[in-house]
Amino acid sequence: MKLTSVIILQNLYYIGTAIGFIIKEIFWLRLVLIIAGLCMIARGIILQDYVIVFWMSLFAVINLVQVIRILLENKEVHIDEEILDLYKKIFSNMTSKEFMLFWKMGEEKKLHKGQYICHDNVKIDEVIQIIDGTTVVKKNGKIVAHLSRGYFVAEMQYLMGENPSADVIAENNVRIISWKHGKLARLKETYPNLYNKFHLILSKDLTYKLKRYL
């Protein structure tokens, strides 16, 4: 009976390890390795092989900590009703936690009618998004577009290294949020996956404008 249990537990460990090799999702991989490790721990206890028990217990604890970390990272966080539509329409490729982390990196400002958000061919060191109000886009004194809630400003400079190609002026009282280039650089280093998601959002916004206004 004892020998049979040992053989079954050992084979369950091997089966679990083999399954782990084909699982791509890291959460389920960690979970399977924990279960496989528990089988080997039980085998070690039966055989009184406490070296195996020690190392398998250590591996199980490490995997358990990583499982908890993954669960906490994927946990939904509250998004204020005021910006929920922006999340759903523009930032939906981010998790709610990623979005709030990114949003809090920005700096909100209020502008009055007639104030410039950016000037034609003048370098700016931030990416701007309109939260409330509307802006007018002028090129050589001619109105070429109107931008409202959700649109980005000065993303071309950030993505392509070119200065803004037009004046963007507040058409009424406007509220914006901006992310400094330096903060985005740190985001790229610290949270590369989140940065890539934002980069894709900017690229889509720029592509849409180019197709619509050019």
N, C-alpha and C. Protein backbone atom coordinates (compact mmCIF):
# COMPACT_ATOMS: atom_id res chain seq x y z
N MET A 1 0.83 -1.21 0.00
CA MET A 1 0.00 0.00 0.00
C MET A 1 0.87 1.27 0.00
N LYS A 2 1.90 1.25 0.86
CA LYS A 2 2.80 2.39 0.96
C LYS A 2 3.54 2.61 -0.36
N LEU A 3 4.01 1.48 -0.95
CA LEU A 3 4.74 1.57 -2.21
C LEU A 3 3.83 2.08 -3.32
N THR A 4 2.59 1.61 -3.32
CA THR A 4 1.63 2.05 -4.34
C THR A 4 1.37 3.55 -4.25
N SER A 5 1.20 4.04 -3.02
CA SER A 5 0.96 5.48 -2.82
C SER A 5 2.15 6.30 -3.31
N VAL A 6 3.34 5.82 -3.00
CA VAL A 6 4.55 6.53 -3.42
C VAL A 6 4.63 6.60 -4.94
N ILE A 7 4.33 5.48 -5.59
CA ILE A 7 4.39 5.44 -7.07
C ILE A 7 3.35 6.37 -7.68
N ILE A 8 2.13 6.34 -7.11
CA ILE A 8 1.05 7.20 -7.63
C ILE A 8 1.42 8.68 -7.48
N LEU A 9 1.90 9.05 -6.29
CA LEU A 9 2.25 10.45 -6.04
C LEU A 9 3.39 10.91 -6.93
N GLN A 10 4.37 10.01 -7.13
CA GLN A 10 5.50 10.37 -7.98
C GLN A 10 5.06 10.58 -9.43
N ASN A 11 4.18 9.71 -9.90
CA ASN A 11 3.67 9.85 -11.27
C ASN A 11 2.77 11.07 -11.43
N LEU A 12 2.03 11.40 -10.40
CA LEU A 12 1.22 12.63 -10.45
C LEU A 12 2.12 13.86 -10.55
N TYR A 13 3.24 13.80 -9.86
CA TYR A 13 4.21 14.91 -9.93
C TYR A 13 4.75 15.03 -11.35
N TYR A 14 5.12 13.89 -11.95
CA TYR A 14 5.64 13.91 -13.31
C TYR A 14 4.59 14.41 -14.30
N ILE A 15 3.35 13.96 -14.11
CA ILE A 15 2.27 14.39 -15.00
C ILE A 15 2.06 15.91 -14.88
N GLY A 16 2.04 16.39 -13.62
CA GLY A 16 1.87 17.83 -13.40
C GLY A 16 2.99 18.65 -14.03
N THR A 17 4.22 18.15 -13.88
CA THR A 17 5.37 18.84 -14.47
C THR A 17 5.29 18.85 -15.99
N ALA A 18 4.86 17.73 -16.57
CA ALA A 18 4.72 17.65 -18.03
C ALA A 18 3.65 18.62 -18.52
N ILE A 19 2.54 18.69 -17.79
CA ILE A 19 1.47 19.64 -18.17
C ILE A 19 2.00 21.07 -18.10
N GLY A 20 2.83 21.33 -17.08
CA GLY A 20 3.41 22.66 -16.93
C GLY A 20 4.20 23.11 -18.14
N PHE A 21 4.84 22.16 -18.83
CA PHE A 21 5.65 22.49 -20.00
C PHE A 21 4.80 23.01 -21.16
N ILE A 22 3.51 22.65 -21.20
CA ILE A 22 2.69 23.03 -22.35
C ILE A 22 1.71 24.16 -22.01
N ILE A 23 1.67 24.59 -20.75
CA ILE A 23 0.78 25.69 -20.36
C ILE A 23 1.47 27.02 -20.62
N LYS A 24 0.80 27.91 -21.34
CA LYS A 24 1.37 29.22 -21.65
C LYS A 24 0.98 30.27 -20.63
N GLU A 25 -0.22 30.14 -20.07
CA GLU A 25 -0.69 31.12 -19.10
C GLU A 25 0.05 30.93 -17.78
N ILE A 26 0.79 31.95 -17.36
CA ILE A 26 1.68 31.83 -16.21
C ILE A 26 0.93 31.53 -14.92
N PHE A 27 -0.30 32.06 -14.78
CA PHE A 27 -1.08 31.81 -13.56
C PHE A 27 -1.36 30.32 -13.41
N TRP A 28 -1.87 29.70 -14.47
CA TRP A 28 -2.21 28.28 -14.41
C TRP A 28 -0.95 27.42 -14.31
N LEU A 29 0.13 27.86 -14.92
CA LEU A 29 1.40 27.14 -14.80
C LEU A 29 1.83 27.07 -13.34
N ARG A 30 1.80 28.21 -12.65
CA ARG A 30 2.18 28.25 -11.23
C ARG A 30 1.26 27.34 -10.41
N LEU A 31 -0.03 27.36 -10.72
CA LEU A 31 -0.99 26.57 -9.95
C LEU A 31 -0.73 25.07 -10.13
N VAL A 32 -0.49 24.67 -11.36
CA VAL A 32 -0.21 23.26 -11.64
C VAL A 32 1.08 22.81 -10.93
N LEU A 33 2.10 23.67 -10.94
CA LEU A 33 3.36 23.34 -10.27
C LEU A 33 3.18 23.21 -8.76
N ILE A 34 2.30 24.01 -8.19
CA ILE A 34 2.01 23.89 -6.75
C ILE A 34 1.39 22.53 -6.44
N ILE A 35 0.40 22.16 -7.26
CA ILE A 35 -0.29 20.87 -7.04
C ILE A 35 0.69 19.71 -7.23
N ALA A 36 1.51 19.80 -8.27
CA ALA A 36 2.51 18.74 -8.50
C ALA A 36 3.49 18.67 -7.34
N GLY A 37 3.89 19.84 -6.85
CA GLY A 37 4.82 19.89 -5.72
C GLY A 37 4.23 19.28 -4.46
N LEU A 38 2.93 19.49 -4.23
CA LEU A 38 2.27 18.91 -3.06
C LEU A 38 2.30 17.38 -3.12
N CYS A 39 2.16 16.85 -4.33
CA CYS A 39 2.24 15.39 -4.50
C CYS A 39 3.63 14.88 -4.10
N MET A 40 4.66 15.61 -4.50
CA MET A 40 6.02 15.20 -4.17
C MET A 40 6.31 15.39 -2.67
N ILE A 41 5.71 16.40 -2.08
CA ILE A 41 5.85 16.60 -0.63
C ILE A 41 5.25 15.42 0.13
N ALA A 42 4.04 15.01 -0.30
CA ALA A 42 3.39 13.86 0.34
C ALA A 42 4.23 12.60 0.17
N ARG A 43 4.83 12.44 -1.01
CA ARG A 43 5.71 11.30 -1.24
C ARG A 43 6.91 11.34 -0.29
N GLY A 44 7.50 12.52 -0.13
CA GLY A 44 8.65 12.66 0.75
C GLY A 44 8.31 12.35 2.20
N ILE A 45 7.11 12.77 2.62
CA ILE A 45 6.68 12.50 4.00
C ILE A 45 6.54 11.00 4.23
N ILE A 46 5.91 10.31 3.23
CA ILE A 46 5.72 8.86 3.35
C ILE A 46 7.07 8.15 3.46
N LEU A 47 8.03 8.60 2.63
CA LEU A 47 9.35 7.96 2.61
C LEU A 47 10.29 8.54 3.66
N GLN A 48 9.80 9.56 4.38
CA GLN A 48 10.62 10.26 5.38
C GLN A 48 11.90 10.84 4.75
N ASP A 49 11.73 11.29 3.51
CA ASP A 49 12.83 11.94 2.79
C ASP A 49 12.63 13.45 2.94
N TYR A 50 13.17 14.02 4.00
CA TYR A 50 12.87 15.40 4.35
C TYR A 50 13.66 16.42 3.52
N VAL A 51 14.65 15.96 2.79
CA VAL A 51 15.33 16.86 1.84
C VAL A 51 14.35 17.23 0.72
N ILE A 52 13.67 16.19 0.19
CA ILE A 52 12.67 16.44 -0.84
C ILE A 52 11.54 17.30 -0.30
N VAL A 53 11.10 16.99 0.93
CA VAL A 53 10.02 17.77 1.55
C VAL A 53 10.41 19.24 1.66
N PHE A 54 11.64 19.49 2.09
CA PHE A 54 12.10 20.87 2.26
C PHE A 54 12.11 21.63 0.94
N TRP A 55 12.77 21.03 -0.08
CA TRP A 55 12.90 21.75 -1.34
C TRP A 55 11.57 21.90 -2.07
N MET A 56 10.74 20.88 -2.04
CA MET A 56 9.43 20.98 -2.69
C MET A 56 8.53 21.98 -1.97
N SER A 57 8.66 22.05 -0.64
CA SER A 57 7.88 23.02 0.12
C SER A 57 8.33 24.44 -0.23
N LEU A 58 9.63 24.61 -0.37
CA LEU A 58 10.17 25.93 -0.75
C LEU A 58 9.66 26.35 -2.12
N PHE A 59 9.70 25.41 -3.08
CA PHE A 59 9.23 25.73 -4.43
C PHE A 59 7.73 26.05 -4.42
N ALA A 60 6.98 25.30 -3.61
CA ALA A 60 5.54 25.53 -3.52
C ALA A 60 5.23 26.91 -2.95
N VAL A 61 5.98 27.31 -1.95
CA VAL A 61 5.78 28.63 -1.34
C VAL A 61 6.10 29.73 -2.35
N ILE A 62 7.21 29.57 -3.09
CA ILE A 62 7.58 30.56 -4.11
C ILE A 62 6.48 30.69 -5.16
N ASN A 63 5.98 29.54 -5.63
CA ASN A 63 4.91 29.58 -6.63
C ASN A 63 3.62 30.18 -6.07
N LEU A 64 3.35 29.88 -4.79
CA LEU A 64 2.14 30.42 -4.15
C LEU A 64 2.22 31.94 -4.06
N VAL A 65 3.39 32.46 -3.69
CA VAL A 65 3.58 33.92 -3.62
C VAL A 65 3.35 34.56 -4.98
N GLN A 66 3.85 33.90 -6.04
CA GLN A 66 3.67 34.44 -7.39
C GLN A 66 2.21 34.39 -7.82
N VAL A 67 1.49 33.35 -7.43
CA VAL A 67 0.06 33.26 -7.73
C VAL A 67 -0.70 34.40 -7.07
N ILE A 68 -0.38 34.66 -5.80
CA ILE A 68 -1.03 35.76 -5.07
C ILE A 68 -0.71 37.09 -5.73
N ARG A 69 0.55 37.27 -6.16
CA ARG A 69 0.95 38.51 -6.83
C ARG A 69 0.17 38.71 -8.12
N ILE A 70 0.00 37.64 -8.90
CA ILE A 70 -0.74 37.73 -10.15
C ILE A 70 -2.20 38.10 -9.89
N LEU A 71 -2.79 37.49 -8.87
CA LEU A 71 -4.18 37.79 -8.53
C LEU A 71 -4.35 39.24 -8.12
N LEU A 72 -3.40 39.75 -7.34
CA LEU A 72 -3.47 41.15 -6.90
C LEU A 72 -3.29 42.11 -8.08
N GLU A 73 -2.40 41.76 -9.01
CA GLU A 73 -2.16 42.61 -10.17
C GLU A 73 -3.39 42.67 -11.08
N ASN A 74 -4.11 41.56 -11.18
CA ASN A 74 -5.27 41.49 -12.07
C ASN A 74 -6.57 41.90 -11.39
N LYS A 75 -6.49 42.24 -10.11
CA LYS A 75 -7.69 42.62 -9.38
C LYS A 75 -8.26 43.92 -9.94
N GLU A 76 -9.55 43.94 -10.18
CA GLU A 76 -10.19 45.14 -10.71
C GLU A 76 -10.17 46.25 -9.66
N VAL A 77 -9.90 47.46 -10.10
CA VAL A 77 -9.92 48.62 -9.21
C VAL A 77 -11.00 49.57 -9.68
N HIS A 78 -11.44 50.41 -8.77
CA HIS A 78 -12.53 51.34 -9.09
C HIS A 78 -12.04 52.46 -10.01
N ILE A 79 -12.83 52.75 -11.03
CA ILE A 79 -12.57 53.87 -11.92
C ILE A 79 -13.67 54.89 -11.71
N ASP A 80 -13.29 56.12 -11.45
CA ASP A 80 -14.28 57.17 -11.22
C ASP A 80 -15.23 57.29 -12.41
N GLU A 81 -16.49 57.54 -12.11
CA GLU A 81 -17.51 57.66 -13.14
C GLU A 81 -17.16 58.74 -14.15
N GLU A 82 -16.46 59.77 -13.70
CA GLU A 82 -16.11 60.91 -14.55
C GLU A 82 -15.21 60.52 -15.72
N ILE A 83 -14.39 59.50 -15.53
CA ILE A 83 -13.46 59.10 -16.59
C ILE A 83 -13.72 57.69 -17.10
N LEU A 84 -14.80 57.08 -16.65
CA LEU A 84 -15.10 55.71 -17.04
C LEU A 84 -15.30 55.57 -18.55
N ASP A 85 -15.95 56.58 -19.16
CA ASP A 85 -16.18 56.51 -20.61
C ASP A 85 -14.86 56.57 -21.39
N LEU A 86 -13.90 57.34 -20.88
CA LEU A 86 -12.59 57.40 -21.53
C LEU A 86 -11.90 56.04 -21.47
N TYR A 87 -12.03 55.39 -20.33
CA TYR A 87 -11.43 54.06 -20.18
C TYR A 87 -12.05 53.08 -21.18
N LYS A 88 -13.37 53.08 -21.26
CA LYS A 88 -14.06 52.11 -22.11
C LYS A 88 -13.82 52.37 -23.60
N LYS A 89 -13.76 53.65 -23.98
CA LYS A 89 -13.65 53.98 -25.40
C LYS A 89 -12.20 54.01 -25.89
N ILE A 90 -11.27 54.40 -25.02
CA ILE A 90 -9.91 54.66 -25.47
C ILE A 90 -8.87 53.73 -24.84
N PHE A 91 -9.00 53.50 -23.54
CA PHE A 91 -7.97 52.76 -22.81
C PHE A 91 -8.38 51.32 -22.47
N SER A 92 -9.32 50.78 -23.21
CA SER A 92 -9.87 49.47 -22.85
C SER A 92 -8.87 48.33 -23.01
N ASN A 93 -7.75 48.57 -23.72
CA ASN A 93 -6.73 47.52 -23.83
C ASN A 93 -5.91 47.39 -22.54
N MET A 94 -6.11 48.32 -21.61
CA MET A 94 -5.46 48.24 -20.30
C MET A 94 -6.41 47.61 -19.30
N THR A 95 -5.87 46.98 -18.27
CA THR A 95 -6.70 46.56 -17.15
C THR A 95 -7.07 47.82 -16.37
N SER A 96 -8.09 47.72 -15.54
CA SER A 96 -8.50 48.88 -14.75
C SER A 96 -7.38 49.35 -13.84
N LYS A 97 -6.60 48.42 -13.33
CA LYS A 97 -5.48 48.78 -12.45
C LYS A 97 -4.40 49.51 -13.25
N GLU A 98 -4.09 49.01 -14.44
CA GLU A 98 -3.10 49.67 -15.29
C GLU A 98 -3.55 51.08 -15.66
N PHE A 99 -4.83 51.20 -16.00
CA PHE A 99 -5.36 52.50 -16.39
C PHE A 99 -5.24 53.52 -15.27
N MET A 100 -5.64 53.14 -14.06
CA MET A 100 -5.57 54.09 -12.94
C MET A 100 -4.12 54.43 -12.60
N LEU A 101 -3.23 53.46 -12.72
CA LEU A 101 -1.81 53.73 -12.50
C LEU A 101 -1.31 54.74 -13.53
N PHE A 102 -1.67 54.54 -14.78
CA PHE A 102 -1.25 55.45 -15.83
C PHE A 102 -1.89 56.82 -15.67
N TRP A 103 -3.17 56.84 -15.39
CA TRP A 103 -3.90 58.11 -15.28
C TRP A 103 -3.31 58.99 -14.17
N LYS A 104 -2.95 58.37 -13.07
CA LYS A 104 -2.41 59.13 -11.93
C LYS A 104 -1.01 59.68 -12.21
N MET A 105 -0.37 59.18 -13.26
CA MET A 105 0.92 59.73 -13.66
C MET A 105 0.77 61.08 -14.36
N GLY A 106 -0.44 61.36 -14.84
CA GLY A 106 -0.68 62.59 -15.58
C GLY A 106 -0.95 63.77 -14.66
N GLU A 107 -0.89 64.94 -15.24
CA GLU A 107 -1.15 66.19 -14.51
C GLU A 107 -2.31 66.93 -15.16
N GLU A 108 -3.37 67.17 -14.40
CA GLU A 108 -4.54 67.85 -14.94
C GLU A 108 -4.37 69.37 -14.87
N LYS A 109 -4.88 70.04 -15.90
CA LYS A 109 -4.82 71.51 -15.96
C LYS A 109 -6.13 72.05 -16.54
N LYS A 110 -6.43 73.30 -16.19
CA LYS A 110 -7.58 73.99 -16.75
C LYS A 110 -7.08 75.16 -17.59
N LEU A 111 -7.65 75.29 -18.78
CA LEU A 111 -7.30 76.39 -19.69
C LEU A 111 -8.54 77.20 -20.02
N HIS A 112 -8.34 78.49 -20.21
CA HIS A 112 -9.45 79.37 -20.57
C HIS A 112 -9.55 79.53 -22.08
N LYS A 113 -10.68 79.99 -22.52
CA LYS A 113 -10.91 80.21 -23.95
C LYS A 113 -9.81 81.09 -24.53
N GLY A 114 -9.26 80.64 -25.64
CA GLY A 114 -8.23 81.41 -26.32
C GLY A 114 -6.81 81.03 -25.96
N GLN A 115 -6.63 80.26 -24.90
CA GLN A 115 -5.28 79.84 -24.52
C GLN A 115 -4.77 78.77 -25.48
N TYR A 116 -3.48 78.83 -25.75
CA TYR A 116 -2.85 77.85 -26.64
C TYR A 116 -2.45 76.60 -25.85
N ILE A 117 -2.78 75.46 -26.41
CA ILE A 117 -2.31 74.19 -25.84
C ILE A 117 -0.94 73.85 -26.42
N CYS A 118 -0.78 74.10 -27.70
CA CYS A 118 0.54 73.98 -28.33
C CYS A 118 0.59 74.91 -29.53
N HIS A 119 1.80 75.24 -29.95
CA HIS A 119 2.01 76.15 -31.07
C HIS A 119 2.59 75.39 -32.26
N ASP A 120 2.26 75.86 -33.44
CA ASP A 120 2.77 75.25 -34.67
C ASP A 120 4.29 75.30 -34.69
N ASN A 121 4.89 74.13 -34.88
CA ASN A 121 6.34 73.97 -35.04
C ASN A 121 7.14 74.40 -33.81
N VAL A 122 6.51 74.38 -32.65
CA VAL A 122 7.20 74.69 -31.40
C VAL A 122 7.24 73.42 -30.55
N LYS A 123 8.43 73.02 -30.16
CA LYS A 123 8.61 71.78 -29.43
C LYS A 123 7.86 71.80 -28.10
N ILE A 124 7.31 70.67 -27.73
CA ILE A 124 6.60 70.51 -26.47
C ILE A 124 7.02 69.18 -25.85
N ASP A 125 7.15 69.13 -24.53
CA ASP A 125 7.72 67.92 -23.91
C ASP A 125 6.67 67.08 -23.19
N GLU A 126 5.45 67.10 -23.70
CA GLU A 126 4.38 66.33 -23.07
C GLU A 126 3.37 65.87 -24.10
N VAL A 127 2.67 64.80 -23.76
CA VAL A 127 1.53 64.32 -24.54
C VAL A 127 0.28 64.73 -23.78
N ILE A 128 -0.66 65.32 -24.48
CA ILE A 128 -1.84 65.92 -23.85
C ILE A 128 -3.11 65.23 -24.32
N GLN A 129 -4.06 65.08 -23.41
CA GLN A 129 -5.39 64.57 -23.78
C GLN A 129 -6.45 65.54 -23.27
N ILE A 130 -7.43 65.78 -24.09
CA ILE A 130 -8.53 66.67 -23.72
C ILE A 130 -9.54 65.90 -22.87
N ILE A 131 -9.86 66.45 -21.71
CA ILE A 131 -10.85 65.80 -20.84
C ILE A 131 -12.22 66.44 -21.03
N ASP A 132 -12.26 67.77 -21.00
CA ASP A 132 -13.51 68.51 -21.17
C ASP A 132 -13.28 69.70 -22.08
N GLY A 133 -14.34 70.12 -22.79
CA GLY A 133 -14.26 71.28 -23.65
C GLY A 133 -13.83 70.90 -25.06
N THR A 134 -13.70 71.90 -25.90
CA THR A 134 -13.29 71.67 -27.28
C THR A 134 -12.14 72.61 -27.65
N THR A 135 -11.34 72.17 -28.58
CA THR A 135 -10.22 72.98 -29.07
C THR A 135 -10.33 73.12 -30.57
N VAL A 136 -9.71 74.16 -31.08
CA VAL A 136 -9.68 74.36 -32.52
C VAL A 136 -8.23 74.18 -32.98
N VAL A 137 -8.06 73.52 -34.09
CA VAL A 137 -6.74 73.28 -34.66
C VAL A 137 -6.57 74.19 -35.87
N LYS A 138 -5.54 75.05 -35.83
CA LYS A 138 -5.32 76.00 -36.90
C LYS A 138 -3.96 75.78 -37.56
N LYS A 139 -3.95 75.86 -38.88
CA LYS A 139 -2.72 75.76 -39.65
C LYS A 139 -2.67 76.96 -40.59
N ASN A 140 -1.63 77.79 -40.44
CA ASN A 140 -1.50 79.02 -41.23
C ASN A 140 -2.74 79.90 -41.10
N GLY A 141 -3.27 79.96 -39.87
CA GLY A 141 -4.42 80.80 -39.59
C GLY A 141 -5.76 80.23 -40.02
N LYS A 142 -5.74 79.05 -40.64
CA LYS A 142 -6.97 78.42 -41.12
C LYS A 142 -7.37 77.26 -40.22
N ILE A 143 -8.65 77.20 -39.86
CA ILE A 143 -9.15 76.11 -39.02
C ILE A 143 -9.19 74.82 -39.83
N VAL A 144 -8.52 73.81 -39.33
CA VAL A 144 -8.49 72.52 -40.05
C VAL A 144 -9.20 71.41 -39.29
N ALA A 145 -9.46 71.63 -38.00
CA ALA A 145 -10.13 70.58 -37.22
C ALA A 145 -10.58 71.12 -35.88
N HIS A 146 -11.50 70.39 -35.27
CA HIS A 146 -11.91 70.63 -33.89
C HIS A 146 -11.67 69.35 -33.11
N LEU A 147 -11.11 69.47 -31.93
CA LEU A 147 -10.85 68.31 -31.08
C LEU A 147 -11.61 68.45 -29.78
N SER A 148 -12.18 67.36 -29.34
CA SER A 148 -12.97 67.39 -28.10
C SER A 148 -12.54 66.26 -27.17
N ARG A 149 -13.38 65.91 -26.24
CA ARG A 149 -13.07 64.95 -25.19
C ARG A 149 -12.47 63.65 -25.75
N GLY A 150 -11.32 63.29 -25.19
CA GLY A 150 -10.69 62.03 -25.54
C GLY A 150 -9.56 62.15 -26.55
N TYR A 151 -9.55 63.21 -27.34
CA TYR A 151 -8.49 63.35 -28.35
C TYR A 151 -7.16 63.74 -27.71
N PHE A 152 -6.09 63.27 -28.34
CA PHE A 152 -4.74 63.61 -27.88
C PHE A 152 -4.20 64.78 -28.69
N VAL A 153 -3.28 65.52 -28.05
CA VAL A 153 -2.60 66.64 -28.68
C VAL A 153 -1.09 66.42 -28.53
N ALA A 154 -0.34 66.76 -29.56
CA ALA A 154 1.13 66.67 -29.57
C ALA A 154 1.64 65.24 -29.54
N GLU A 155 0.81 64.29 -29.94
CA GLU A 155 1.26 62.90 -29.98
C GLU A 155 2.20 62.65 -31.16
N MET A 156 2.07 63.45 -32.22
CA MET A 156 2.94 63.27 -33.39
C MET A 156 4.39 63.52 -33.02
N GLN A 157 4.62 64.56 -32.20
CA GLN A 157 5.99 64.83 -31.78
C GLN A 157 6.55 63.67 -30.99
N TYR A 158 5.74 63.13 -30.10
CA TYR A 158 6.23 62.03 -29.26
C TYR A 158 6.49 60.77 -30.08
N LEU A 159 5.59 60.47 -31.00
CA LEU A 159 5.72 59.23 -31.77
C LEU A 159 6.75 59.33 -32.89
N MET A 160 6.84 60.51 -33.51
CA MET A 160 7.64 60.64 -34.72
C MET A 160 8.80 61.62 -34.59
N GLY A 161 8.90 62.27 -33.42
CA GLY A 161 9.99 63.20 -33.21
C GLY A 161 9.86 64.50 -33.97
N GLU A 162 8.64 64.81 -34.44
CA GLU A 162 8.39 66.05 -35.18
C GLU A 162 7.67 67.05 -34.29
N ASN A 163 7.96 68.33 -34.46
CA ASN A 163 7.26 69.36 -33.71
C ASN A 163 5.79 69.39 -34.11
N PRO A 164 4.90 69.89 -33.22
CA PRO A 164 3.48 69.99 -33.58
C PRO A 164 3.31 70.71 -34.92
N SER A 165 2.38 70.21 -35.72
CA SER A 165 2.22 70.72 -37.09
C SER A 165 1.14 71.79 -37.19
N ALA A 166 0.58 72.22 -36.05
CA ALA A 166 -0.48 73.23 -36.07
C ALA A 166 -0.63 73.85 -34.69
N ASP A 167 -1.33 74.97 -34.64
CA ASP A 167 -1.71 75.56 -33.35
C ASP A 167 -2.96 74.85 -32.84
N VAL A 168 -3.00 74.57 -31.55
CA VAL A 168 -4.20 74.01 -30.93
C VAL A 168 -4.61 74.98 -29.84
N ILE A 169 -5.82 75.52 -29.97
CA ILE A 169 -6.28 76.60 -29.11
C ILE A 169 -7.59 76.21 -28.45
N ALA A 170 -7.73 76.57 -27.17
CA ALA A 170 -8.97 76.29 -26.44
C ALA A 170 -10.11 77.11 -27.05
N GLU A 171 -11.15 76.42 -27.48
CA GLU A 171 -12.31 77.09 -28.08
C GLU A 171 -13.26 77.60 -27.00
N ASN A 172 -13.19 76.97 -25.85
CA ASN A 172 -13.93 77.40 -24.66
C ASN A 172 -13.10 76.96 -23.47
N ASN A 173 -13.67 77.00 -22.28
CA ASN A 173 -12.91 76.51 -21.13
C ASN A 173 -12.64 75.02 -21.30
N VAL A 174 -11.38 74.68 -21.17
CA VAL A 174 -10.94 73.31 -21.47
C VAL A 174 -10.18 72.74 -20.28
N ARG A 175 -10.39 71.45 -20.05
CA ARG A 175 -9.61 70.74 -19.03
C ARG A 175 -8.82 69.65 -19.74
N ILE A 176 -7.54 69.57 -19.43
CA ILE A 176 -6.68 68.60 -20.08
C ILE A 176 -5.90 67.80 -19.04
N ILE A 177 -5.33 66.69 -19.48
CA ILE A 177 -4.37 65.94 -18.68
C ILE A 177 -3.14 65.72 -19.55
N SER A 178 -1.97 65.84 -18.95
CA SER A 178 -0.75 65.70 -19.74
C SER A 178 0.24 64.77 -19.05
N TRP A 179 1.01 64.09 -19.89
CA TRP A 179 2.06 63.19 -19.41
C TRP A 179 3.39 63.67 -19.97
N LYS A 180 4.32 64.03 -19.11
CA LYS A 180 5.63 64.48 -19.53
C LYS A 180 6.39 63.34 -20.22
N HIS A 181 7.20 63.70 -21.20
CA HIS A 181 8.00 62.70 -21.91
C HIS A 181 8.91 61.92 -20.95
N GLY A 182 9.44 62.61 -19.94
CA GLY A 182 10.30 61.95 -18.97
C GLY A 182 9.57 60.87 -18.20
N LYS A 183 8.31 61.13 -17.82
CA LYS A 183 7.52 60.13 -17.11
C LYS A 183 7.21 58.95 -18.00
N LEU A 184 6.96 59.22 -19.27
CA LEU A 184 6.69 58.12 -20.21
C LEU A 184 7.92 57.26 -20.42
N ALA A 185 9.10 57.89 -20.39
CA ALA A 185 10.35 57.14 -20.51
C ALA A 185 10.53 56.21 -19.32
N ARG A 186 10.20 56.71 -18.13
CA ARG A 186 10.30 55.86 -16.92
C ARG A 186 9.25 54.76 -16.95
N LEU A 187 8.07 55.07 -17.49
CA LEU A 187 7.03 54.05 -17.63
C LEU A 187 7.51 52.93 -18.54
N LYS A 188 8.20 53.29 -19.62
CA LYS A 188 8.72 52.29 -20.57
C LYS A 188 9.70 51.35 -19.89
N GLU A 189 10.51 51.89 -18.99
CA GLU A 189 11.50 51.07 -18.29
C GLU A 189 10.86 50.21 -17.20
N THR A 190 9.89 50.79 -16.49
CA THR A 190 9.32 50.12 -15.32
C THR A 190 8.16 49.19 -15.68
N TYR A 191 7.29 49.64 -16.57
CA TYR A 191 6.12 48.85 -16.97
C TYR A 191 6.06 48.79 -18.50
N PRO A 192 6.97 48.05 -19.12
CA PRO A 192 7.03 48.03 -20.59
C PRO A 192 5.73 47.58 -21.25
N ASN A 193 5.03 46.63 -20.66
CA ASN A 193 3.78 46.16 -21.25
C ASN A 193 2.72 47.26 -21.24
N LEU A 194 2.63 47.99 -20.13
CA LEU A 194 1.68 49.10 -20.04
C LEU A 194 2.07 50.20 -21.01
N TYR A 195 3.35 50.49 -21.10
CA TYR A 195 3.82 51.51 -22.04
C TYR A 195 3.44 51.14 -23.48
N ASN A 196 3.63 49.88 -23.85
CA ASN A 196 3.30 49.44 -25.21
C ASN A 196 1.81 49.61 -25.50
N LYS A 197 0.99 49.39 -24.50
CA LYS A 197 -0.45 49.58 -24.68
C LYS A 197 -0.77 51.04 -24.94
N PHE A 198 -0.14 51.94 -24.18
CA PHE A 198 -0.37 53.36 -24.39
C PHE A 198 0.16 53.80 -25.75
N HIS A 199 1.31 53.30 -26.13
CA HIS A 199 1.90 53.63 -27.44
C HIS A 199 0.95 53.24 -28.56
N LEU A 200 0.30 52.09 -28.44
CA LEU A 200 -0.67 51.64 -29.44
C LEU A 200 -1.87 52.58 -29.49
N ILE A 201 -2.32 53.04 -28.32
CA ILE A 201 -3.46 53.98 -28.26
C ILE A 201 -3.11 55.28 -28.99
N LEU A 202 -1.91 55.80 -28.73
CA LEU A 202 -1.48 57.03 -29.40
C LEU A 202 -1.40 56.83 -30.91
N SER A 203 -0.87 55.69 -31.32
CA SER A 203 -0.72 55.41 -32.75
C SER A 203 -2.09 55.37 -33.44
N LYS A 204 -3.06 54.77 -32.79
CA LYS A 204 -4.41 54.69 -33.35
C LYS A 204 -5.03 56.08 -33.46
N ASP A 205 -4.83 56.91 -32.41
CA ASP A 205 -5.36 58.26 -32.41
C ASP A 205 -4.76 59.07 -33.56
N LEU A 206 -3.45 58.97 -33.74
CA LEU A 206 -2.78 59.71 -34.80
C LEU A 206 -3.22 59.23 -36.18
N THR A 207 -3.34 57.92 -36.34
CA THR A 207 -3.77 57.35 -37.62
C THR A 207 -5.17 57.83 -37.98
N TYR A 208 -6.06 57.85 -36.99
CA TYR A 208 -7.44 58.30 -37.23
C TYR A 208 -7.46 59.76 -37.69
N LYS A 209 -6.66 60.61 -37.02
CA LYS A 209 -6.63 62.03 -37.38
C LYS A 209 -6.08 62.23 -38.79
N LEU A 210 -5.02 61.50 -39.12
CA LEU A 210 -4.42 61.63 -40.44
C LEU A 210 -5.41 61.24 -41.55
N LYS A 211 -6.16 60.20 -41.29
CA LYS A 211 -7.14 59.74 -42.29
C LYS A 211 -8.31 60.72 -42.40
N ARG A 212 -8.67 61.32 -41.27
CA ARG A 212 -9.86 62.20 -41.26
C ARG A 212 -9.56 63.60 -41.77
N TYR A 213 -8.41 64.14 -41.39
CA TYR A 213 -8.16 65.55 -41.64
C TYR A 213 -7.18 65.84 -42.77
N LEU A 214 -6.50 64.80 -43.25
CA LEU A 214 -5.55 65.04 -44.34
C LEU A 214 -6.06 64.50 -45.68
